[in-house]
Amino acid sequence: MSQSKLYDSAESALMDVIEDGQTLAIGGFGLCGIPEALILALRDSGVKELTCISNNAGVDDFGLGLLLKTRQIKKMISSYVGENKEFERQFLGGELEVELTPQGTLAEKLRAGGAGIPAFYTATGVGTQVAEGKETREFDGRNYILEQSLTADVALVKAQKADKAGNLIFNKTARNFNPDCAMAGKITIAEVEEIVEIGELDADEIHLPGIFVQRLIVNANPEKRIEKVTVSN
């Protein structure tokens, strides 16, 4: 490589790419597989007026909930918006714009955007509020709505392991939205727990090729907070 993708901190990786008013795609599902260090650095950067594409908005004191608390997010494009009282308060108060998107549709909008596909038809949402204002077309006797794909100025994702070329391996369900977000970002920054030399990863085990990743940071000991703990007596 002509230039290393590895940065010494989340702050340095964000420094010259994050600006007010950008659209960000942020990986994770609930609190599983979220880029914890990058989200903290994003909060501390002070950027504002952000549009965040993410499955959900974290919880009140963790994940994207930290950015809601500081009023850095102006719009959320999400599929699930529970577990966050501040999100609810801002939305009901007209302070936060929300584009609610079915979960499978959201994943496909990101994947298609990363693949260079501008739009696609889906039956999901036909006859509901999701379809309002969207083109409808019939195929083989069934109605479909046209959904526009999504891309982002910057994507922030989390992986378990990477090599120095940016090839990523995700840990089980922490894979969730991370690959789709990475593909959709014009610049993708991956937070990883472990980094190895190029050639050390088995090619058949790589979940996301390094061509989609421009920057890497290491967070060897993330908190990995659990949203809800259920125990049995």
C-alpha atoms as a PDB file:
ATOM      1  CA  MET A   1       0.000   0.000   0.000  1.00  0.00           C
ATOM      2  CA  SER A   2       1.162   3.481  -0.748  1.00  0.00           C
ATOM      3  CA  GLN A   3      -0.416   4.794   2.463  1.00  0.00           C
ATOM      4  CA  SER A   4      -1.322   3.011   5.675  1.00  0.00           C
ATOM      5  CA  LYS A   5      -5.005   2.672   6.508  1.00  0.00           C
ATOM      6  CA  LEU A   6      -4.231   2.368  10.218  1.00  0.00           C
ATOM      7  CA  TYR A   7      -4.736   5.454  12.417  1.00  0.00           C
ATOM      8  CA  ASP A   8      -3.591   5.764  16.006  1.00  0.00           C
ATOM      9  CA  SER A   9      -6.954   6.912  17.407  1.00  0.00           C
ATOM     10  CA  ALA A  10     -10.609   7.380  16.574  1.00  0.00           C
ATOM     11  CA  GLU A  11     -10.114  11.135  16.808  1.00  0.00           C
ATOM     12  CA  SER A  12      -7.329  11.180  14.217  1.00  0.00           C
ATOM     13  CA  ALA A  13      -9.294   8.917  11.857  1.00  0.00           C
ATOM     14  CA  LEU A  14     -12.267  11.315  11.918  1.00  0.00           C
ATOM     15  CA  MET A  15     -10.348  14.578  11.962  1.00  0.00           C
ATOM     16  CA  ASP A  16     -10.255  15.574   8.305  1.00  0.00           C
ATOM     17  CA  VAL A  17     -13.358  13.766   7.018  1.00  0.00           C
ATOM     18  CA  ILE A  18     -16.155  14.731   9.411  1.00  0.00           C
ATOM     19  CA  GLU A  19     -18.081  17.963   8.786  1.00  0.00           C
ATOM     20  CA  ASP A  20     -21.351  19.590   9.814  1.00  0.00           C
ATOM     21  CA  GLY A  21     -24.373  18.510   7.787  1.00  0.00           C
ATOM     22  CA  GLN A  22     -22.999  15.180   6.593  1.00  0.00           C
ATOM     23  CA  THR A  23     -24.856  11.906   6.166  1.00  0.00           C
ATOM     24  CA  LEU A  24     -23.352   9.053   8.174  1.00  0.00           C
ATOM     25  CA  ALA A  25     -24.052   5.316   7.948  1.00  0.00           C
ATOM     26  CA  ILE A  26     -23.369   3.690  11.310  1.00  0.00           C
ATOM     27  CA  GLY A  27     -23.263  -0.063  11.799  1.00  0.00           C
ATOM     28  CA  GLY A  28     -24.807  -2.034  14.623  1.00  0.00           C
ATOM     29  CA  PHE A  29     -28.051  -3.598  15.782  1.00  0.00           C
ATOM     30  CA  GLY A  30     -29.195  -2.274  19.118  1.00  0.00           C
ATOM     31  CA  LEU A  31     -25.898  -2.072  20.988  1.00  0.00           C
ATOM     32  CA  CYS A  32     -24.470  -5.128  19.210  1.00  0.00           C
ATOM     33  CA  GLY A  33     -21.626  -4.394  16.833  1.00  0.00           C
ATOM     34  CA  ILE A  34     -21.572  -0.630  17.206  1.00  0.00           C
ATOM     35  CA  PRO A  35     -18.343   1.370  16.710  1.00  0.00           C
ATOM     36  CA  GLU A  36     -18.141   2.570  20.309  1.00  0.00           C
ATOM     37  CA  ALA A  37     -14.881   4.523  20.131  1.00  0.00           C
ATOM     38  CA  LEU A  38     -15.792   6.196  16.847  1.00  0.00           C
ATOM     39  CA  ILE A  39     -19.171   7.301  18.187  1.00  0.00           C
ATOM     40  CA  LEU A  40     -17.496   8.831  21.245  1.00  0.00           C
ATOM     41  CA  ALA A  41     -14.963  10.617  19.047  1.00  0.00           C
ATOM     42  CA  LEU A  42     -17.782  11.842  16.818  1.00  0.00           C
ATOM     43  CA  ARG A  43     -19.532  13.307  19.855  1.00  0.00           C
ATOM     44  CA  ASP A  44     -16.364  14.977  21.059  1.00  0.00           C
ATOM     45  CA  SER A  45     -15.694  16.453  17.606  1.00  0.00           C
ATOM     46  CA  GLY A  46     -18.708  18.718  18.028  1.00  0.00           C
ATOM     47  CA  VAL A  47     -20.010  18.285  14.472  1.00  0.00           C
ATOM     48  CA  LYS A  48     -23.733  18.938  14.152  1.00  0.00           C
ATOM     49  CA  GLU A  49     -26.722  18.822  11.812  1.00  0.00           C
ATOM     50  CA  LEU A  50     -25.976  15.175  11.033  1.00  0.00           C
ATOM     51  CA  THR A  51     -28.215  12.720   9.210  1.00  0.00           C
ATOM     52  CA  CYS A  52     -27.588   9.251  10.645  1.00  0.00           C
ATOM     53  CA  ILE A  53     -28.522   6.062   8.846  1.00  0.00           C
ATOM     54  CA  SER A  54     -28.635   3.307  11.439  1.00  0.00           C
ATOM     55  CA  ASN A  55     -30.893   0.424  12.377  1.00  0.00           C
ATOM     56  CA  ASN A  56     -31.681   2.225  15.636  1.00  0.00           C
ATOM     57  CA  ALA A  57     -30.531   5.116  17.799  1.00  0.00           C
ATOM     58  CA  GLY A  58     -28.857   3.333  20.695  1.00  0.00           C
ATOM     59  CA  VAL A  59     -29.980   4.016  24.257  1.00  0.00           C
ATOM     60  CA  ASP A  60     -30.018   7.212  26.280  1.00  0.00           C
ATOM     61  CA  ASP A  61     -26.436   7.054  27.514  1.00  0.00           C
ATOM     62  CA  PHE A  62     -24.714   4.854  24.964  1.00  0.00           C
ATOM     63  CA  GLY A  63     -24.302   4.448  21.229  1.00  0.00           C
ATOM     64  CA  LEU A  64     -26.038   7.051  19.085  1.00  0.00           C
ATOM     65  CA  GLY A  65     -27.984   8.113  22.154  1.00  0.00           C
ATOM     66  CA  LEU A  66     -24.884  10.105  23.084  1.00  0.00           C
ATOM     67  CA  LEU A  67     -25.228  12.186  19.906  1.00  0.00           C
ATOM     68  CA  LEU A  68     -28.935  12.752  20.494  1.00  0.00           C
ATOM     69  CA  LYS A  69     -28.181  14.026  23.987  1.00  0.00           C
ATOM     70  CA  THR A  70     -25.814  16.639  22.557  1.00  0.00           C
ATOM     71  CA  ARG A  71     -28.260  17.546  19.745  1.00  0.00           C
ATOM     72  CA  GLN A  72     -25.771  16.668  17.008  1.00  0.00           C
ATOM     73  CA  ILE A  73     -28.291  14.640  14.991  1.00  0.00           C
ATOM     74  CA  LYS A  74     -30.978  16.436  12.994  1.00  0.00           C
ATOM     75  CA  LYS A  75     -32.394  13.382  11.178  1.00  0.00           C
ATOM     76  CA  MET A  76     -32.478   9.626  11.769  1.00  0.00           C
ATOM     77  CA  ILE A  77     -33.094   7.096   8.997  1.00  0.00           C
ATOM     78  CA  SER A  78     -33.907   4.003  11.049  1.00  0.00           C
ATOM     79  CA  SER A  79     -36.043   0.901  11.329  1.00  0.00           C
ATOM     80  CA  TYR A  80     -36.390   0.729  15.126  1.00  0.00           C
ATOM     81  CA  VAL A  81     -36.599   3.707  17.443  1.00  0.00           C
ATOM     82  CA  GLY A  82     -37.433   2.236  20.864  1.00  0.00           C
ATOM     83  CA  GLU A  83     -35.248   2.028  23.989  1.00  0.00           C
ATOM     84  CA  ASN A  84     -34.391   5.732  23.904  1.00  0.00           C
ATOM     85  CA  LYS A  85     -36.387   8.280  25.889  1.00  0.00           C
ATOM     86  CA  GLU A  86     -34.444  11.244  24.535  1.00  0.00           C
ATOM     87  CA  PHE A  87     -35.173  10.100  20.981  1.00  0.00           C
ATOM     88  CA  GLU A  88     -38.877   9.911  21.864  1.00  0.00           C
ATOM     89  CA  ARG A  89     -38.850  13.336  23.484  1.00  0.00           C
ATOM     90  CA  GLN A  90     -37.128  15.033  20.545  1.00  0.00           C
ATOM     91  CA  PHE A  91     -39.313  13.310  17.961  1.00  0.00           C
ATOM     92  CA  LEU A  92     -42.610  14.069  19.701  1.00  0.00           C
ATOM     93  CA  GLY A  93     -41.422  17.632  20.275  1.00  0.00           C
ATOM     94  CA  GLY A  94     -40.724  18.160  16.582  1.00  0.00           C
ATOM     95  CA  GLU A  95     -36.997  18.579  17.214  1.00  0.00           C
ATOM     96  CA  LEU A  96     -35.835  15.475  15.330  1.00  0.00           C
ATOM     97  CA  GLU A  97     -36.701  14.374  11.810  1.00  0.00           C
ATOM     98  CA  VAL A  98     -37.268  10.634  11.456  1.00  0.00           C
ATOM     99  CA  GLU A  99     -37.517   8.550   8.293  1.00  0.00           C
ATOM    100  CA  LEU A 100     -38.848   5.196   9.492  1.00  0.00           C
ATOM    101  CA  THR A 101     -37.843   2.386   7.136  1.00  0.00           C
ATOM    102  CA  PRO A 102     -38.665  -1.340   7.338  1.00  0.00           C
ATOM    103  CA  GLN A 103     -35.576  -3.214   8.478  1.00  0.00           C
ATOM    104  CA  GLY A 104     -35.078  -5.383   5.400  1.00  0.00           C
ATOM    105  CA  THR A 105     -35.693  -2.390   3.155  1.00  0.00           C
ATOM    106  CA  LEU A 106     -33.125  -0.365   5.082  1.00  0.00           C
ATOM    107  CA  ALA A 107     -30.508  -3.089   4.654  1.00  0.00           C
ATOM    108  CA  GLU A 108     -31.231  -3.337   0.931  1.00  0.00           C
ATOM    109  CA  LYS A 109     -31.179   0.454   0.474  1.00  0.00           C
ATOM    110  CA  LEU A 110     -27.643   0.492   1.895  1.00  0.00           C
ATOM    111  CA  ARG A 111     -26.494  -2.592  -0.001  1.00  0.00           C
ATOM    112  CA  ALA A 112     -27.904  -1.300  -3.278  1.00  0.00           C
ATOM    113  CA  GLY A 113     -26.388   2.128  -2.717  1.00  0.00           C
ATOM    114  CA  GLY A 114     -22.991   0.558  -2.199  1.00  0.00           C
ATOM    115  CA  ALA A 115     -23.430  -1.507  -5.339  1.00  0.00           C
ATOM    116  CA  GLY A 116     -24.262   1.540  -7.441  1.00  0.00           C
ATOM    117  CA  ILE A 117     -27.964   0.683  -7.836  1.00  0.00           C
ATOM    118  CA  PRO A 118     -29.981   3.907  -7.483  1.00  0.00           C
ATOM    119  CA  ALA A 119     -33.371   2.377  -6.638  1.00  0.00           C
ATOM    120  CA  PHE A 120     -35.325  -0.876  -6.497  1.00  0.00           C
ATOM    121  CA  TYR A 121     -38.882  -2.162  -6.179  1.00  0.00           C
ATOM    122  CA  THR A 122     -40.124  -3.965  -3.083  1.00  0.00           C
ATOM    123  CA  ALA A 123     -43.496  -5.233  -1.880  1.00  0.00           C
ATOM    124  CA  THR A 124     -42.650  -4.292   1.708  1.00  0.00           C
ATOM    125  CA  GLY A 125     -44.727  -1.333   2.846  1.00  0.00           C
ATOM    126  CA  VAL A 126     -47.330  -1.433   0.080  1.00  0.00           C
ATOM    127  CA  GLY A 127     -50.635  -0.094   1.401  1.00  0.00           C
ATOM    128  CA  THR A 128     -49.046   1.507   4.473  1.00  0.00           C
ATOM    129  CA  GLN A 129     -47.658   4.925   5.394  1.00  0.00           C
ATOM    130  CA  VAL A 130     -44.281   3.715   4.139  1.00  0.00           C
ATOM    131  CA  ALA A 131     -45.644   3.871   0.581  1.00  0.00           C
ATOM    132  CA  GLU A 132     -46.924   7.457   0.766  1.00  0.00           C
ATOM    133  CA  GLY A 133     -45.462   9.632  -1.980  1.00  0.00           C
ATOM    134  CA  LYS A 134     -43.609   6.752  -3.644  1.00  0.00           C
ATOM    135  CA  GLU A 135     -44.040   5.337  -7.114  1.00  0.00           C
ATOM    136  CA  THR A 136     -46.057   2.099  -7.271  1.00  0.00           C
ATOM    137  CA  ARG A 137     -45.813  -0.472 -10.045  1.00  0.00           C
ATOM    138  CA  GLU A 138     -47.398  -3.832 -10.662  1.00  0.00           C
ATOM    139  CA  PHE A 139     -45.332  -6.941 -11.468  1.00  0.00           C
ATOM    140  CA  ASP A 140     -47.046 -10.275 -12.109  1.00  0.00           C
ATOM    141  CA  GLY A 141     -50.239  -9.068 -10.481  1.00  0.00           C
ATOM    142  CA  ARG A 142     -48.596  -7.749  -7.316  1.00  0.00           C
ATOM    143  CA  ASN A 143     -47.945  -4.130  -6.365  1.00  0.00           C
ATOM    144  CA  TYR A 144     -44.477  -2.887  -5.471  1.00  0.00           C
ATOM    145  CA  ILE A 145     -43.134   0.470  -4.331  1.00  0.00           C
ATOM    146  CA  LEU A 146     -39.982   2.128  -5.598  1.00  0.00           C
ATOM    147  CA  GLU A 147     -37.391   2.721  -2.887  1.00  0.00           C
ATOM    148  CA  GLN A 148     -34.368   4.949  -3.451  1.00  0.00           C
ATOM    149  CA  SER A 149     -31.040   3.538  -2.325  1.00  0.00           C
ATOM    150  CA  LEU A 150     -28.850   5.121   0.332  1.00  0.00           C
ATOM    151  CA  THR A 151     -25.238   6.267   0.364  1.00  0.00           C
ATOM    152  CA  ALA A 152     -23.324   8.149   3.027  1.00  0.00           C
ATOM    153  CA  ASP A 153     -20.513  10.675   3.158  1.00  0.00           C
ATOM    154  CA  VAL A 154     -18.874   8.603   5.885  1.00  0.00           C
ATOM    155  CA  ALA A 155     -19.559   5.123   7.269  1.00  0.00           C
ATOM    156  CA  LEU A 156     -18.510   4.063  10.763  1.00  0.00           C
ATOM    157  CA  VAL A 157     -18.439   0.302  11.311  1.00  0.00           C
ATOM    158  CA  LYS A 158     -17.247  -2.259  13.841  1.00  0.00           C
ATOM    159  CA  ALA A 159     -15.446  -5.552  13.138  1.00  0.00           C
ATOM    160  CA  GLN A 160     -13.684  -8.133  15.272  1.00  0.00           C
ATOM    161  CA  LYS A 161     -10.553  -8.454  13.181  1.00  0.00           C
ATOM    162  CA  ALA A 162      -8.877  -6.768  10.227  1.00  0.00           C
ATOM    163  CA  ASP A 163      -5.648  -6.971   8.330  1.00  0.00           C
ATOM    164  CA  LYS A 164      -3.745  -3.843   7.384  1.00  0.00           C
ATOM    165  CA  ALA A 165      -5.388  -3.810   3.943  1.00  0.00           C
ATOM    166  CA  GLY A 166      -8.782  -3.322   5.619  1.00  0.00           C
ATOM    167  CA  ASN A 167     -10.203  -6.796   5.009  1.00  0.00           C
ATOM    168  CA  LEU A 168     -12.717  -7.395   7.801  1.00  0.00           C
ATOM    169  CA  ILE A 169     -14.038 -10.321   9.824  1.00  0.00           C
ATOM    170  CA  PHE A 170     -17.120  -9.778  11.985  1.00  0.00           C
ATOM    171  CA  ASN A 171     -18.066 -11.669  15.137  1.00  0.00           C
ATOM    172  CA  LYS A 172     -21.274 -13.620  14.611  1.00  0.00           C
ATOM    173  CA  THR A 173     -24.379 -11.377  14.913  1.00  0.00           C
ATOM    174  CA  ALA A 174     -22.201  -8.264  15.230  1.00  0.00           C
ATOM    175  CA  ARG A 175     -21.986  -8.573  11.453  1.00  0.00           C
ATOM    176  CA  ASN A 176     -25.582  -7.236  11.198  1.00  0.00           C
ATOM    177  CA  PHE A 177     -25.694  -3.891   9.306  1.00  0.00           C
ATOM    178  CA  ASN A 178     -21.944  -3.315   9.314  1.00  0.00           C
ATOM    179  CA  PRO A 179     -21.074  -4.678   5.824  1.00  0.00           C
ATOM    180  CA  ASP A 180     -23.971  -2.802   4.202  1.00  0.00           C
ATOM    181  CA  CYS A 181     -22.995   0.459   5.911  1.00  0.00           C
ATOM    182  CA  ALA A 182     -19.371  -0.017   4.880  1.00  0.00           C
ATOM    183  CA  MET A 183     -20.343  -0.505   1.246  1.00  0.00           C
ATOM    184  CA  ALA A 184     -22.543   2.588   1.255  1.00  0.00           C
ATOM    185  CA  GLY A 185     -19.942   4.973   2.634  1.00  0.00           C
ATOM    186  CA  LYS A 186     -17.802   7.146   0.378  1.00  0.00           C
ATOM    187  CA  ILE A 187     -15.226   6.961   3.181  1.00  0.00           C
ATOM    188  CA  THR A 188     -15.476   4.023   5.578  1.00  0.00           C
ATOM    189  CA  ILE A 189     -13.725   3.902   8.924  1.00  0.00           C
ATOM    190  CA  ALA A 190     -13.628   0.533  10.668  1.00  0.00           C
ATOM    191  CA  GLU A 191     -13.110   0.089  14.404  1.00  0.00           C
ATOM    192  CA  VAL A 192     -11.601  -3.337  15.106  1.00  0.00           C
ATOM    193  CA  GLU A 193     -10.529  -5.306  18.166  1.00  0.00           C
ATOM    194  CA  GLU A 194      -7.516  -6.902  16.504  1.00  0.00           C
ATOM    195  CA  ILE A 195      -5.365  -6.105  13.489  1.00  0.00           C
ATOM    196  CA  VAL A 196      -2.971  -8.493  11.748  1.00  0.00           C
ATOM    197  CA  GLU A 197      -0.527  -8.342   8.879  1.00  0.00           C
ATOM    198  CA  ILE A 198      -1.653  -8.652   5.276  1.00  0.00           C
ATOM    199  CA  GLY A 199      -1.882 -12.324   4.325  1.00  0.00           C
ATOM    200  CA  GLU A 200      -2.668 -13.617   7.806  1.00  0.00           C
ATOM    201  CA  LEU A 201      -6.419 -13.813   7.215  1.00  0.00           C
ATOM    202  CA  ASP A 202      -7.796 -16.820   5.367  1.00  0.00           C
ATOM    203  CA  ALA A 203      -9.377 -15.415   2.214  1.00  0.00           C
ATOM    204  CA  ASP A 204     -12.427 -17.652   2.669  1.00  0.00           C
ATOM    205  CA  GLU A 205     -13.070 -16.202   6.146  1.00  0.00           C
ATOM    206  CA  ILE A 206     -13.114 -12.542   5.082  1.00  0.00           C
ATOM    207  CA  HIS A 207     -16.620 -11.060   5.312  1.00  0.00           C
ATOM    208  CA  LEU A 208     -15.876  -7.675   3.722  1.00  0.00           C
ATOM    209  CA  PRO A 209     -13.060  -6.893   1.272  1.00  0.00           C
ATOM    210  CA  GLY A 210     -10.696  -4.073   2.146  1.00  0.00           C
ATOM    211  CA  ILE A 211     -11.632  -2.142  -0.988  1.00  0.00           C
ATOM    212  CA  PHE A 212     -14.626  -0.851   0.982  1.00  0.00           C
ATOM    213  CA  VAL A 213     -12.514   0.338   3.946  1.00  0.00           C
ATOM    214  CA  GLN A 214     -10.338   3.456   3.827  1.00  0.00           C
ATOM    215  CA  ARG A 215      -9.333   3.801   7.485  1.00  0.00           C
ATOM    216  CA  LEU A 216      -8.816   1.535  10.503  1.00  0.00           C
ATOM    217  CA  ILE A 217      -8.570   2.095  14.237  1.00  0.00           C
ATOM    218  CA  VAL A 218      -8.010  -0.434  17.014  1.00  0.00           C
ATOM    219  CA  ASN A 219     -10.245  -0.604  20.093  1.00  0.00           C
ATOM    220  CA  ALA A 220      -9.008  -3.772  21.760  1.00  0.00           C
ATOM    221  CA  ASN A 221     -11.343  -3.645  24.766  1.00  0.00           C
ATOM    222  CA  PRO A 222     -14.771  -2.237  23.862  1.00  0.00           C
ATOM    223  CA  GLU A 223     -17.429  -2.167  26.558  1.00  0.00           C
ATOM    224  CA  LYS A 224     -19.974  -4.191  24.522  1.00  0.00           C
ATOM    225  CA  ARG A 225     -22.834  -3.085  26.731  1.00  0.00           C
ATOM    226  CA  ILE A 226     -25.957  -5.267  26.834  1.00  0.00           C
ATOM    227  CA  GLU A 227     -29.297  -3.488  26.384  1.00  0.00           C
ATOM    228  CA  LYS A 228     -31.363  -5.838  28.518  1.00  0.00           C
ATOM    229  CA  VAL A 229     -30.276  -8.695  30.734  1.00  0.00           C
ATOM    230  CA  THR A 230     -32.783 -11.519  31.195  1.00  0.00           C
ATOM    231  CA  VAL A 231     -32.138 -14.050  33.942  1.00  0.00           C
ATOM    232  CA  SER A 232     -34.033 -17.040  35.216  1.00  0.00           C
ATOM    233  CA  ASN A 233     -34.569 -17.956  38.853  1.00  0.00           C
END
